Amino acid sequence: MIVMIEEQFDSRTLAIMNAALDRVCDRAPRGEEHVTRRRVAKYIIRCAWNGKTTLPELTEAGEHALTRVAAAAK
């Protein structure tokens, strides 16, 4: 079952989540690629579901996603 993210969070949180996604992906190699954005978004969503919804918290979660990708590539 697919749940729409818009139904899970208020508009303010969604805006912060989008800002964190853009912030992380703008700095990342291949950040414009769908696969990268999707991986970062998953971590950001998981962070928000756990109640951490500030821009620094969500950005850190997105950066963690990139760290995991880099570690797996080694």
Protein backbone atom coordinates (compact mmCIF):
# COMPACT_ATOMS: atom_id res chain seq x y z
CA MET A 1 0.00 0.00 0.00
CA ILE A 2 1.40 3.38 -1.00
CA VAL A 3 0.69 6.30 1.31
CA MET A 4 0.97 9.81 -0.09
CA ILE A 5 3.50 11.83 1.83
CA GLU A 6 1.26 14.89 1.65
CA GLU A 7 -1.23 13.06 3.85
CA GLN A 8 1.38 12.32 6.53
CA PHE A 9 2.86 15.78 7.21
CA ASP A 10 1.62 19.35 7.47
CA SER A 11 2.53 21.90 4.80
CA ARG A 12 5.25 23.54 6.93
CA THR A 13 7.01 20.22 7.51
CA LEU A 14 6.72 19.33 3.83
CA ALA A 15 8.31 22.65 2.88
CA ILE A 16 11.20 22.03 5.29
CA MET A 17 11.61 18.50 3.96
CA ASN A 18 11.80 19.82 0.39
CA ALA A 19 14.34 22.47 1.43
CA ALA A 20 16.51 19.81 3.08
CA LEU A 21 16.29 17.59 -0.01
CA ASP A 22 17.34 20.45 -2.28
CA ARG A 23 20.10 21.55 0.08
CA VAL A 24 21.64 18.08 0.26
CA CYS A 25 21.26 17.26 -3.42
CA ASP A 26 22.60 20.63 -4.59
CA ARG A 27 25.88 19.83 -2.83
CA ALA A 28 26.06 16.18 -3.83
CA PRO A 29 27.80 14.63 -6.79
CA ARG A 30 25.00 13.37 -9.03
CA GLY A 31 22.53 15.17 -6.80
CA GLU A 32 20.32 15.92 -9.77
CA GLU A 33 19.83 12.22 -10.55
CA HIS A 34 16.53 10.62 -9.59
CA VAL A 35 18.22 7.69 -7.83
CA THR A 36 20.22 10.02 -5.59
CA ARG A 37 17.26 12.26 -4.80
CA ARG A 38 15.08 9.25 -4.02
CA ARG A 39 17.64 7.78 -1.59
CA VAL A 40 18.09 11.13 0.17
CA ALA A 41 14.33 11.63 0.33
CA LYS A 42 13.82 8.24 1.99
CA TYR A 43 16.17 9.18 4.80
CA ILE A 44 14.54 12.58 5.20
CA ILE A 45 11.06 11.03 5.36
CA ARG A 46 12.19 8.46 7.91
CA CYS A 47 13.68 11.23 10.03
CA ALA A 48 10.44 13.23 9.89
CA TRP A 49 8.38 10.17 10.82
CA ASN A 50 10.55 9.92 13.93
CA GLY A 51 9.55 13.44 14.91
CA LYS A 52 12.74 15.23 13.85
CA THR A 53 11.46 17.94 11.56
CA THR A 54 13.85 20.88 11.78
CA LEU A 55 15.90 21.85 8.76
CA PRO A 56 19.22 20.88 10.41
CA GLU A 57 17.86 17.48 11.48
CA LEU A 58 16.42 16.69 8.08
CA THR A 59 19.51 17.93 6.26
CA GLU A 60 21.70 15.74 8.47
CA ALA A 61 19.51 12.74 7.68
CA GLY A 62 19.88 13.42 3.96
CA GLU A 63 23.63 13.79 4.28
CA HIS A 64 23.69 10.47 6.13
CA ALA A 65 22.08 8.85 3.10
CA LEU A 66 24.91 10.12 0.90
CA THR A 67 27.51 8.87 3.37
CA ARG A 68 25.97 5.40 3.29
CA VAL A 69 26.03 5.38 -0.51
CA ALA A 70 29.69 6.42 -0.58
CA ALA A 71 30.60 3.78 1.99
CA ALA A 72 28.79 1.06 0.04
CA ALA A 73 30.63 2.06 -3.15
CA LYS A 74 34.05 1.45 -1.56
